[in-house]
All heavy atoms as atom14 arrays in JSON, in Angstrom:
{
  "sequence": "DVVEAIVSQTQRLQHSTVLYLNHAIAEFAEALASKMPGDLKVVFFTNS",
  "atom14_mask": [
    [1, 1, 1, 1, 1, 1, 1, 1, 0, 0, 0, 0, 0, 0],
    [1, 1, 1, 1, 1, 1, 1, 0, 0, 0, 0, 0, 0, 0],
    [1, 1, 1, 1, 1, 1, 1, 0, 0, 0, 0, 0, 0, 0],
    [1, 1, 1, 1, 1, 1, 1, 1, 1, 0, 0, 0, 0, 0],
    [1, 1, 1, 1, 1, 0, 0, 0, 0, 0, 0, 0, 0, 0],
    [1, 1, 1, 1, 1, 1, 1, 1, 0, 0, 0, 0, 0, 0],
    [1, 1, 1, 1, 1, 1, 1, 0, 0, 0, 0, 0, 0, 0],
    [1, 1, 1, 1, 1, 1, 0, 0, 0, 0, 0, 0, 0, 0],
    [1, 1, 1, 1, 1, 1, 1, 1, 1, 0, 0, 0, 0, 0],
    [1, 1, 1, 1, 1, 1, 1, 0, 0, 0, 0, 0, 0, 0],
    [1, 1, 1, 1, 1, 1, 1, 1, 1, 0, 0, 0, 0, 0],
    [1, 1, 1, 1, 1, 1, 1, 1, 1, 1, 1, 0, 0, 0],
    [1, 1, 1, 1, 1, 1, 1, 1, 0, 0, 0, 0, 0, 0],
    [1, 1, 1, 1, 1, 1, 1, 1, 1, 0, 0, 0, 0, 0],
    [1, 1, 1, 1, 1, 1, 1, 1, 1, 1, 0, 0, 0, 0],
    [1, 1, 1, 1, 1, 1, 0, 0, 0, 0, 0, 0, 0, 0],
    [1, 1, 1, 1, 1, 1, 1, 0, 0, 0, 0, 0, 0, 0],
    [1, 1, 1, 1, 1, 1, 1, 0, 0, 0, 0, 0, 0, 0],
    [1, 1, 1, 1, 1, 1, 1, 1, 0, 0, 0, 0, 0, 0],
    [1, 1, 1, 1, 1, 1, 1, 1, 1, 1, 1, 1, 0, 0],
    [1, 1, 1, 1, 1, 1, 1, 1, 0, 0, 0, 0, 0, 0],
    [1, 1, 1, 1, 1, 1, 1, 1, 0, 0, 0, 0, 0, 0],
    [1, 1, 1, 1, 1, 1, 1, 1, 1, 1, 0, 0, 0, 0],
    [1, 1, 1, 1, 1, 0, 0, 0, 0, 0, 0, 0, 0, 0],
    [1, 1, 1, 1, 1, 1, 1, 1, 0, 0, 0, 0, 0, 0],
    [1, 1, 1, 1, 1, 0, 0, 0, 0, 0, 0, 0, 0, 0],
    [1, 1, 1, 1, 1, 1, 1, 1, 1, 0, 0, 0, 0, 0],
    [1, 1, 1, 1, 1, 1, 1, 1, 1, 1, 1, 0, 0, 0],
    [1, 1, 1, 1, 1, 0, 0, 0, 0, 0, 0, 0, 0, 0],
    [1, 1, 1, 1, 1, 1, 1, 1, 1, 0, 0, 0, 0, 0],
    [1, 1, 1, 1, 1, 0, 0, 0, 0, 0, 0, 0, 0, 0],
    [1, 1, 1, 1, 1, 1, 1, 1, 0, 0, 0, 0, 0, 0],
    [1, 1, 1, 1, 1, 0, 0, 0, 0, 0, 0, 0, 0, 0],
    [1, 1, 1, 1, 1, 1, 0, 0, 0, 0, 0, 0, 0, 0],
    [1, 1, 1, 1, 1, 1, 1, 1, 1, 0, 0, 0, 0, 0],
    [1, 1, 1, 1, 1, 1, 1, 1, 0, 0, 0, 0, 0, 0],
    [1, 1, 1, 1, 1, 1, 1, 0, 0, 0, 0, 0, 0, 0],
    [1, 1, 1, 1, 0, 0, 0, 0, 0, 0, 0, 0, 0, 0],
    [1, 1, 1, 1, 1, 1, 1, 1, 0, 0, 0, 0, 0, 0],
    [1, 1, 1, 1, 1, 1, 1, 1, 0, 0, 0, 0, 0, 0],
    [1, 1, 1, 1, 1, 1, 1, 1, 1, 0, 0, 0, 0, 0],
    [1, 1, 1, 1, 1, 1, 1, 0, 0, 0, 0, 0, 0, 0],
    [1, 1, 1, 1, 1, 1, 1, 0, 0, 0, 0, 0, 0, 0],
    [1, 1, 1, 1, 1, 1, 1, 1, 1, 1, 1, 0, 0, 0],
    [1, 1, 1, 1, 1, 1, 1, 1, 1, 1, 1, 0, 0, 0],
    [1, 1, 1, 1, 1, 1, 1, 0, 0, 0, 0, 0, 0, 0],
    [1, 1, 1, 1, 1, 1, 1, 1, 0, 0, 0, 0, 0, 0],
    [1, 1, 1, 1, 1, 1, 0, 0, 0, 0, 0, 0, 0, 0]
  ],
  "atom14_positions": [
    [[0.79, -1.2, 0.03], [-0.1, 0.04, -0.05], [0.84, 1.25, 0.02], [0.54, 2.19, -0.62], [-1.03, 0.07, 1.25], [-1.99, -1.05, 1.16], [-2.02, -1.88, 0.18], [-2.84, -1.15, 2.0], [0.0, 0.0, 0.0], [0.0, 0.0, 0.0], [0.0, 0.0, 0.0], [0.0, 0.0, 0.0], [0.0, 0.0, 0.0], [0.0, 0.0, 0.0]],
    [[1.99, 1.23, 0.8], [2.85, 2.34, 0.85], [3.56, 2.49, -0.52], [3.75, 3.57, -1.01], [3.81, 2.29, 2.05], [4.82, 3.42, 2.01], [3.11, 2.21, 3.32], [0.0, 0.0, 0.0], [0.0, 0.0, 0.0], [0.0, 0.0, 0.0], [0.0, 0.0, 0.0], [0.0, 0.0, 0.0], [0.0, 0.0, 0.0], [0.0, 0.0, 0.0]],
    [[4.13, 1.43, -1.04], [4.78, 1.39, -2.36], [3.82, 2.05, -3.4], [4.29, 2.88, -4.25], [5.27, 0.08, -2.67], [5.84, 0.03, -4.22], [6.41, -0.37, -1.85], [0.0, 0.0, 0.0], [0.0, 0.0, 0.0], [0.0, 0.0, 0.0], [0.0, 0.0, 0.0], [0.0, 0.0, 0.0], [0.0, 0.0, 0.0], [0.0, 0.0, 0.0]],
    [[2.57, 1.49, -3.43], [1.74, 1.93, -4.43], [1.42, 3.53, -4.31], [1.39, 4.13, -5.37], [0.39, 1.21, -4.32], [-0.72, 1.64, -5.31], [-1.95, 0.98, -5.17], [-2.2, 0.12, -4.26], [-2.94, 1.21, -5.97], [0.0, 0.0, 0.0], [0.0, 0.0, 0.0], [0.0, 0.0, 0.0], [0.0, 0.0, 0.0], [0.0, 0.0, 0.0]],
    [[1.3, 4.03, -3.12], [1.14, 5.48, -2.95], [2.34, 6.17, -3.45], [2.07, 7.37, -4.05], [0.82, 5.83, -1.4], [0.0, 0.0, 0.0], [0.0, 0.0, 0.0], [0.0, 0.0, 0.0], [0.0, 0.0, 0.0], [0.0, 0.0, 0.0], [0.0, 0.0, 0.0], [0.0, 0.0, 0.0], [0.0, 0.0, 0.0], [0.0, 0.0, 0.0]],
    [[3.47, 5.75, -3.14], [4.68, 6.45, -3.59], [4.86, 6.43, -5.14], [5.1, 7.53, -5.76], [5.9, 5.87, -3.02], [5.98, 6.01, -1.38], [7.24, 6.35, -3.47], [7.07, 5.12, -0.54], [0.0, 0.0, 0.0], [0.0, 0.0, 0.0], [0.0, 0.0, 0.0], [0.0, 0.0, 0.0], [0.0, 0.0, 0.0], [0.0, 0.0, 0.0]],
    [[4.81, 5.24, -5.73], [4.88, 5.19, -7.13], [3.66, 5.95, -7.83], [4.07, 6.77, -8.81], [4.77, 3.68, -7.47], [4.71, 3.49, -9.08], [5.85, 2.97, -7.05], [0.0, 0.0, 0.0], [0.0, 0.0, 0.0], [0.0, 0.0, 0.0], [0.0, 0.0, 0.0], [0.0, 0.0, 0.0], [0.0, 0.0, 0.0], [0.0, 0.0, 0.0]],
    [[2.5, 5.84, -7.42], [1.43, 6.63, -8.04], [1.71, 8.12, -8.03], [1.48, 8.78, -9.01], [0.12, 6.36, -7.3], [-0.98, 7.03, -7.86], [0.0, 0.0, 0.0], [0.0, 0.0, 0.0], [0.0, 0.0, 0.0], [0.0, 0.0, 0.0], [0.0, 0.0, 0.0], [0.0, 0.0, 0.0], [0.0, 0.0, 0.0], [0.0, 0.0, 0.0]],
    [[2.16, 8.65, -6.79], [2.32, 10.04, -6.75], [3.54, 10.51, -7.53], [3.57, 11.55, -8.28], [2.58, 10.44, -5.24], [2.76, 12.01, -5.01], [1.56, 12.85, -5.58], [0.48, 12.59, -5.13], [1.86, 13.81, -6.43], [0.0, 0.0, 0.0], [0.0, 0.0, 0.0], [0.0, 0.0, 0.0], [0.0, 0.0, 0.0], [0.0, 0.0, 0.0]],
    [[4.59, 9.7, -7.58], [5.81, 9.91, -8.34], [5.55, 10.11, -9.77], [5.97, 10.85, -10.47], [6.93, 8.9, -8.08], [7.27, 8.86, -6.67], [8.2, 9.21, -8.84], [0.0, 0.0, 0.0], [0.0, 0.0, 0.0], [0.0, 0.0, 0.0], [0.0, 0.0, 0.0], [0.0, 0.0, 0.0], [0.0, 0.0, 0.0], [0.0, 0.0, 0.0]],
    [[4.6, 9.1, -10.31], [4.27, 9.07, -11.7], [3.53, 10.41, -12.17], [3.56, 10.8, -13.32], [3.56, 7.97, -12.02], [4.4, 6.62, -12.03], [3.51, 5.31, -12.21], [2.36, 5.26, -12.0], [4.19, 4.28, -12.8], [0.0, 0.0, 0.0], [0.0, 0.0, 0.0], [0.0, 0.0, 0.0], [0.0, 0.0, 0.0], [0.0, 0.0, 0.0]],
    [[2.87, 10.97, -11.12], [1.88, 12.08, -11.46], [2.57, 13.42, -11.19], [2.6, 14.23, -12.13], [0.66, 11.98, -10.57], [-0.44, 12.9, -11.1], [-1.75, 12.77, -10.41], [-2.74, 13.61, -11.0], [-3.54, 13.3, -11.97], [-3.45, 12.21, -12.59], [-4.52, 14.2, -12.33], [0.0, 0.0, 0.0], [0.0, 0.0, 0.0], [0.0, 0.0, 0.0]],
    [[3.26, 13.55, -10.0], [4.02, 14.78, -9.65], [4.96, 14.45, -8.52], [4.57, 14.33, -7.46], [3.02, 15.88, -9.27], [3.66, 17.24, -8.98], [4.37, 17.88, -10.09], [2.56, 18.18, -8.27], [0.0, 0.0, 0.0], [0.0, 0.0, 0.0], [0.0, 0.0, 0.0], [0.0, 0.0, 0.0], [0.0, 0.0, 0.0], [0.0, 0.0, 0.0]],
    [[6.31, 14.49, -8.98], [7.28, 14.04, -8.03], [7.57, 15.19, -6.88], [7.84, 15.0, -5.74], [8.55, 13.68, -8.6], [9.69, 13.23, -7.77], [10.85, 12.78, -8.53], [10.91, 12.77, -9.77], [11.89, 12.43, -7.79], [0.0, 0.0, 0.0], [0.0, 0.0, 0.0], [0.0, 0.0, 0.0], [0.0, 0.0, 0.0], [0.0, 0.0, 0.0]],
    [[7.67, 16.52, -7.46], [7.84, 17.67, -6.53], [7.29, 18.88, -7.11], [7.14, 19.12, -8.3], [9.4, 17.8, -6.29], [9.72, 19.03, -5.63], [9.54, 18.94, -4.17], [10.23, 20.19, -5.85], [9.89, 20.03, -3.6], [10.45, 20.93, -4.73], [0.0, 0.0, 0.0], [0.0, 0.0, 0.0], [0.0, 0.0, 0.0], [0.0, 0.0, 0.0]],
    [[6.64, 19.63, -6.23], [6.37, 20.98, -6.41], [6.87, 21.91, -5.28], [7.76, 21.45, -4.58], [4.82, 21.22, -6.62], [4.13, 20.91, -5.5], [0.0, 0.0, 0.0], [0.0, 0.0, 0.0], [0.0, 0.0, 0.0], [0.0, 0.0, 0.0], [0.0, 0.0, 0.0], [0.0, 0.0, 0.0], [0.0, 0.0, 0.0], [0.0, 0.0, 0.0]],
    [[6.24, 22.85, -4.99], [6.53, 23.63, -3.77], [5.18, 24.01, -3.08], [4.18, 23.98, -3.63], [7.33, 24.97, -4.12], [7.47, 25.81, -3.0], [6.68, 25.6, -5.26], [0.0, 0.0, 0.0], [0.0, 0.0, 0.0], [0.0, 0.0, 0.0], [0.0, 0.0, 0.0], [0.0, 0.0, 0.0], [0.0, 0.0, 0.0], [0.0, 0.0, 0.0]],
    [[5.37, 24.37, -1.73], [4.13, 24.66, -0.98], [3.66, 26.05, -1.44], [2.55, 26.52, -1.0], [4.52, 24.66, 0.5], [4.68, 23.3, 1.03], [5.65, 25.52, 0.85], [0.0, 0.0, 0.0], [0.0, 0.0, 0.0], [0.0, 0.0, 0.0], [0.0, 0.0, 0.0], [0.0, 0.0, 0.0], [0.0, 0.0, 0.0], [0.0, 0.0, 0.0]],
    [[4.42, 26.74, -2.41], [3.85, 27.84, -2.93], [2.83, 27.71, -3.88], [2.08, 28.58, -4.2], [5.03, 28.67, -3.66], [6.18, 29.06, -2.83], [7.37, 29.61, -3.66], [5.8, 30.1, -1.73], [0.0, 0.0, 0.0], [0.0, 0.0, 0.0], [0.0, 0.0, 0.0], [0.0, 0.0, 0.0], [0.0, 0.0, 0.0], [0.0, 0.0, 0.0]],
    [[2.5, 26.38, -4.27], [1.36, 26.06, -5.04], [0.56, 25.16, -4.21], [1.06, 24.51, -3.15], [1.75, 25.17, -6.3], [2.78, 25.95, -7.22], [4.04, 25.43, -7.47], [2.48, 27.28, -7.73], [4.94, 26.19, -8.3], [3.34, 27.98, -8.45], [4.62, 27.35, -8.82], [5.53, 28.06, -9.67], [0.0, 0.0, 0.0], [0.0, 0.0, 0.0]],
    [[-0.67, 24.88, -4.58], [-1.57, 23.92, -3.84], [-1.39, 22.54, -4.34], [-1.01, 22.24, -5.58], [-2.93, 24.29, -4.18], [-3.37, 25.69, -3.63], [-4.96, 25.81, -3.83], [-3.05, 25.97, -2.19], [0.0, 0.0, 0.0], [0.0, 0.0, 0.0], [0.0, 0.0, 0.0], [0.0, 0.0, 0.0], [0.0, 0.0, 0.0], [0.0, 0.0, 0.0]],
    [[-1.35, 21.52, -3.37], [-1.49, 20.08, -3.78], [-2.2, 19.34, -2.61], [-2.01, 19.63, -1.56], [0.01, 19.71, -3.84], [0.17, 18.26, -4.37], [0.11, 17.27, -3.51], [0.2, 18.01, -5.64], [0.0, 0.0, 0.0], [0.0, 0.0, 0.0], [0.0, 0.0, 0.0], [0.0, 0.0, 0.0], [0.0, 0.0, 0.0], [0.0, 0.0, 0.0]],
    [[-2.89, 18.4, -3.1], [-3.89, 17.8, -2.17], [-3.04, 16.89, -1.23], [-3.62, 16.62, -0.15], [-4.84, 16.84, -2.9], [-4.27, 15.59, -3.63], [-4.13, 14.38, -2.97], [-3.59, 15.5, -4.83], [-3.58, 13.48, -3.88], [-3.17, 14.15, -4.89], [0.0, 0.0, 0.0], [0.0, 0.0, 0.0], [0.0, 0.0, 0.0], [0.0, 0.0, 0.0]],
    [[-1.94, 16.25, -1.65], [-1.3, 15.35, -0.72], [-0.85, 15.93, 0.6], [-1.14, 15.28, 1.62], [0.05, 14.77, -1.51], [0.0, 0.0, 0.0], [0.0, 0.0, 0.0], [0.0, 0.0, 0.0], [0.0, 0.0, 0.0], [0.0, 0.0, 0.0], [0.0, 0.0, 0.0], [0.0, 0.0, 0.0], [0.0, 0.0, 0.0], [0.0, 0.0, 0.0]],
    [[-0.28, 17.1, 0.54], [0.17, 17.63, 1.89], [-1.09, 18.02, 2.71], [-1.12, 17.87, 4.03], [0.99, 18.89, 1.59], [1.55, 19.52, 3.01], [0.37, 19.91, 0.82], [2.59, 20.65, 2.74], [0.0, 0.0, 0.0], [0.0, 0.0, 0.0], [0.0, 0.0, 0.0], [0.0, 0.0, 0.0], [0.0, 0.0, 0.0], [0.0, 0.0, 0.0]],
    [[-2.12, 18.49, 2.21], [-3.37, 18.92, 2.83], [-3.94, 17.7, 3.59], [-4.48, 17.84, 4.77], [-4.21, 19.77, 2.0], [0.0, 0.0, 0.0], [0.0, 0.0, 0.0], [0.0, 0.0, 0.0], [0.0, 0.0, 0.0], [0.0, 0.0, 0.0], [0.0, 0.0, 0.0], [0.0, 0.0, 0.0], [0.0, 0.0, 0.0], [0.0, 0.0, 0.0]],
    [[-4.2, 16.7, 2.77], [-4.86, 15.45, 3.27], [-4.06, 14.87, 4.42], [-4.61, 14.24, 5.39], [-5.1, 14.42, 2.09], [-6.07, 14.91, 1.13], [-6.3, 14.04, 0.01], [-5.53, 13.04, -0.07], [-7.18, 14.35, -0.95], [0.0, 0.0, 0.0], [0.0, 0.0, 0.0], [0.0, 0.0, 0.0], [0.0, 0.0, 0.0], [0.0, 0.0, 0.0]],
    [[-2.73, 14.69, 4.27], [-1.92, 14.15, 5.27], [-1.87, 14.9, 6.45], [-2.07, 14.41, 7.67], [-0.5, 13.9, 4.73], [0.4, 13.15, 5.74], [-0.07, 12.23, 6.62], [1.73, 13.61, 5.96], [0.65, 11.61, 7.53], [2.52, 12.85, 6.84], [1.9, 11.79, 7.72], [0.0, 0.0, 0.0], [0.0, 0.0, 0.0], [0.0, 0.0, 0.0]],
    [[-1.86, 16.35, 6.35], [-1.93, 17.18, 7.52], [-3.16, 16.98, 8.4], [-3.12, 16.86, 9.49], [-1.7, 18.63, 7.21], [0.0, 0.0, 0.0], [0.0, 0.0, 0.0], [0.0, 0.0, 0.0], [0.0, 0.0, 0.0], [0.0, 0.0, 0.0], [0.0, 0.0, 0.0], [0.0, 0.0, 0.0], [0.0, 0.0, 0.0], [0.0, 0.0, 0.0]],
    [[-4.28, 16.93, 7.55], [-5.54, 16.69, 8.33], [-5.69, 15.42, 8.92], [-6.16, 15.28, 10.13], [-6.68, 16.6, 7.17], [-8.05, 16.49, 7.75], [-9.19, 16.51, 6.68], [-8.92, 16.04, 5.63], [-10.32, 16.92, 6.94], [0.0, 0.0, 0.0], [0.0, 0.0, 0.0], [0.0, 0.0, 0.0], [0.0, 0.0, 0.0], [0.0, 0.0, 0.0]],
    [[-5.26, 14.24, 8.26], [-5.15, 12.93, 9.02], [-4.26, 12.95, 10.12], [-4.63, 12.31, 11.05], [-4.68, 11.97, 7.88], [0.0, 0.0, 0.0], [0.0, 0.0, 0.0], [0.0, 0.0, 0.0], [0.0, 0.0, 0.0], [0.0, 0.0, 0.0], [0.0, 0.0, 0.0], [0.0, 0.0, 0.0], [0.0, 0.0, 0.0], [0.0, 0.0, 0.0]],
    [[-3.12, 13.61, 10.03], [-2.15, 13.57, 11.27], [-2.78, 14.36, 12.41], [-2.77, 13.85, 13.58], [-0.86, 14.25, 10.72], [0.39, 14.02, 11.65], [0.69, 12.52, 11.89], [1.57, 14.69, 10.96], [0.0, 0.0, 0.0], [0.0, 0.0, 0.0], [0.0, 0.0, 0.0], [0.0, 0.0, 0.0], [0.0, 0.0, 0.0], [0.0, 0.0, 0.0]],
    [[-3.43, 15.45, 12.09], [-4.04, 16.22, 13.2], [-5.11, 15.49, 13.84], [-5.37, 15.61, 15.01], [-4.51, 17.58, 12.52], [0.0, 0.0, 0.0], [0.0, 0.0, 0.0], [0.0, 0.0, 0.0], [0.0, 0.0, 0.0], [0.0, 0.0, 0.0], [0.0, 0.0, 0.0], [0.0, 0.0, 0.0], [0.0, 0.0, 0.0], [0.0, 0.0, 0.0]],
    [[-5.86, 14.65, 13.13], [-6.86, 13.84, 13.74], [-6.34, 12.87, 14.71], [-7.14, 12.35, 15.72], [-7.57, 13.09, 12.7], [-7.06, 11.95, 12.29], [0.0, 0.0, 0.0], [0.0, 0.0, 0.0], [0.0, 0.0, 0.0], [0.0, 0.0, 0.0], [0.0, 0.0, 0.0], [0.0, 0.0, 0.0], [0.0, 0.0, 0.0], [0.0, 0.0, 0.0]],
    [[-5.1, 12.52, 14.69], [-4.52, 11.6, 15.7], [-3.85, 12.21, 16.92], [-3.38, 11.65, 17.95], [-3.33, 10.81, 15.08], [-3.72, 10.03, 13.81], [-4.84, 9.12, 14.01], [-4.31, 7.93, 14.93], [-5.2, 6.74, 15.02], [0.0, 0.0, 0.0], [0.0, 0.0, 0.0], [0.0, 0.0, 0.0], [0.0, 0.0, 0.0], [0.0, 0.0, 0.0]],
    [[-3.95, 13.62, 16.96], [-3.45, 14.35, 18.19], [-4.43, 14.76, 19.06], [-5.61, 15.01, 18.75], [-2.72, 15.58, 17.58], [-1.73, 15.41, 16.47], [-0.37, 14.27, 16.94], [0.33, 15.22, 18.33], [0.0, 0.0, 0.0], [0.0, 0.0, 0.0], [0.0, 0.0, 0.0], [0.0, 0.0, 0.0], [0.0, 0.0, 0.0], [0.0, 0.0, 0.0]],
    [[-4.07, 14.86, 20.36], [-4.97, 15.37, 21.49], [-5.18, 16.78, 21.43], [-4.27, 17.53, 20.95], [-4.4, 14.81, 22.77], [-2.85, 14.82, 22.41], [-2.92, 14.45, 20.95], [0.0, 0.0, 0.0], [0.0, 0.0, 0.0], [0.0, 0.0, 0.0], [0.0, 0.0, 0.0], [0.0, 0.0, 0.0], [0.0, 0.0, 0.0], [0.0, 0.0, 0.0]],
    [[-6.09, 17.3, 22.24], [-6.36, 18.74, 22.52], [-6.44, 19.57, 21.28], [-7.01, 19.17, 20.19], [0.0, 0.0, 0.0], [0.0, 0.0, 0.0], [0.0, 0.0, 0.0], [0.0, 0.0, 0.0], [0.0, 0.0, 0.0], [0.0, 0.0, 0.0], [0.0, 0.0, 0.0], [0.0, 0.0, 0.0], [0.0, 0.0, 0.0], [0.0, 0.0, 0.0]],
    [[-5.67, 20.68, 21.33], [-5.69, 21.61, 20.23], [-4.55, 21.53, 19.31], [-4.1, 22.44, 18.59], [-5.85, 23.18, 20.7], [-6.5, 24.07, 19.76], [-7.19, 23.65, 18.91], [-6.12, 25.3, 19.86], [0.0, 0.0, 0.0], [0.0, 0.0, 0.0], [0.0, 0.0, 0.0], [0.0, 0.0, 0.0], [0.0, 0.0, 0.0], [0.0, 0.0, 0.0]],
    [[-3.84, 20.41, 19.35], [-2.68, 20.15, 18.44], [-3.07, 19.84, 17.06], [-3.44, 18.59, 16.8], [-1.86, 18.98, 19.12], [-1.09, 19.38, 20.42], [-0.68, 18.05, 20.99], [0.1, 20.26, 20.24], [0.0, 0.0, 0.0], [0.0, 0.0, 0.0], [0.0, 0.0, 0.0], [0.0, 0.0, 0.0], [0.0, 0.0, 0.0], [0.0, 0.0, 0.0]],
    [[-3.21, 20.89, 16.29], [-3.76, 20.56, 14.93], [-3.1, 21.29, 13.71], [-3.62, 21.26, 12.62], [-5.31, 20.76, 14.92], [-5.67, 22.2, 15.23], [-7.17, 22.19, 15.22], [-7.82, 23.64, 15.66], [-9.11, 23.72, 15.84], [0.0, 0.0, 0.0], [0.0, 0.0, 0.0], [0.0, 0.0, 0.0], [0.0, 0.0, 0.0], [0.0, 0.0, 0.0]],
    [[-1.93, 22.0, 14.13], [-1.33, 22.8, 12.93], [-0.02, 22.02, 12.8], [0.88, 21.75, 13.63], [-1.03, 24.31, 13.31], [-0.2, 24.9, 12.22], [-2.37, 24.88, 13.52], [0.0, 0.0, 0.0], [0.0, 0.0, 0.0], [0.0, 0.0, 0.0], [0.0, 0.0, 0.0], [0.0, 0.0, 0.0], [0.0, 0.0, 0.0], [0.0, 0.0, 0.0]],
    [[0.3, 21.61, 11.48], [1.44, 20.85, 11.12], [2.48, 21.54, 10.27], [2.09, 22.22, 9.3], [0.82, 19.53, 10.41], [2.14, 18.69, 10.06], [-0.13, 18.87, 11.01], [0.0, 0.0, 0.0], [0.0, 0.0, 0.0], [0.0, 0.0, 0.0], [0.0, 0.0, 0.0], [0.0, 0.0, 0.0], [0.0, 0.0, 0.0], [0.0, 0.0, 0.0]],
    [[3.7, 21.44, 10.6], [4.85, 21.93, 9.87], [5.6, 20.75, 9.39], [5.99, 19.94, 10.21], [5.8, 22.86, 10.54], [5.09, 24.06, 11.19], [4.5, 24.03, 12.45], [5.17, 25.21, 10.38], [3.96, 25.19, 12.74], [4.47, 26.49, 10.81], [3.98, 26.45, 12.04], [0.0, 0.0, 0.0], [0.0, 0.0, 0.0], [0.0, 0.0, 0.0]],
    [[5.8, 20.54, 8.0], [6.53, 19.28, 7.65], [7.98, 19.5, 7.45], [8.35, 20.69, 6.86], [5.95, 18.67, 6.36], [4.58, 18.01, 6.49], [3.42, 18.56, 6.01], [4.51, 16.8, 7.23], [2.18, 17.89, 6.25], [3.27, 16.2, 7.44], [2.18, 16.72, 6.83], [0.0, 0.0, 0.0], [0.0, 0.0, 0.0], [0.0, 0.0, 0.0]],
    [[8.86, 18.62, 7.8], [10.27, 18.75, 7.67], [10.76, 17.5, 7.07], [10.02, 16.72, 6.41], [10.86, 18.91, 9.11], [10.74, 17.7, 9.79], [10.38, 20.01, 9.87], [0.0, 0.0, 0.0], [0.0, 0.0, 0.0], [0.0, 0.0, 0.0], [0.0, 0.0, 0.0], [0.0, 0.0, 0.0], [0.0, 0.0, 0.0], [0.0, 0.0, 0.0]],
    [[12.03, 17.41, 6.93], [12.72, 16.13, 6.29], [13.25, 15.13, 7.21], [13.73, 14.12, 6.81], [13.81, 16.64, 5.37], [13.17, 17.68, 4.41], [12.57, 17.42, 3.49], [13.71, 19.08, 4.63], [0.0, 0.0, 0.0], [0.0, 0.0, 0.0], [0.0, 0.0, 0.0], [0.0, 0.0, 0.0], [0.0, 0.0, 0.0], [0.0, 0.0, 0.0]],
    [[13.37, 15.49, 8.55], [14.04, 14.6, 9.51], [13.64, 14.98, 10.95], [13.08, 15.98, 11.12], [15.47, 14.57, 9.32], [16.03, 15.85, 9.91], [0.0, 0.0, 0.0], [0.0, 0.0, 0.0], [0.0, 0.0, 0.0], [0.0, 0.0, 0.0], [0.0, 0.0, 0.0], [0.0, 0.0, 0.0], [0.0, 0.0, 0.0], [0.0, 0.0, 0.0]]
  ]
}
């Protein structure tokens, strides 16, 4: 499932910048925020 997600996204768009809109970052941020307690719901993505 993880390999399929990576390959599918890579075939469509490997990289853009957050200066443009893209559904992948928004959907993951929403899903990640749903796993957090309290008011922890703003996500900054990094590389490590």
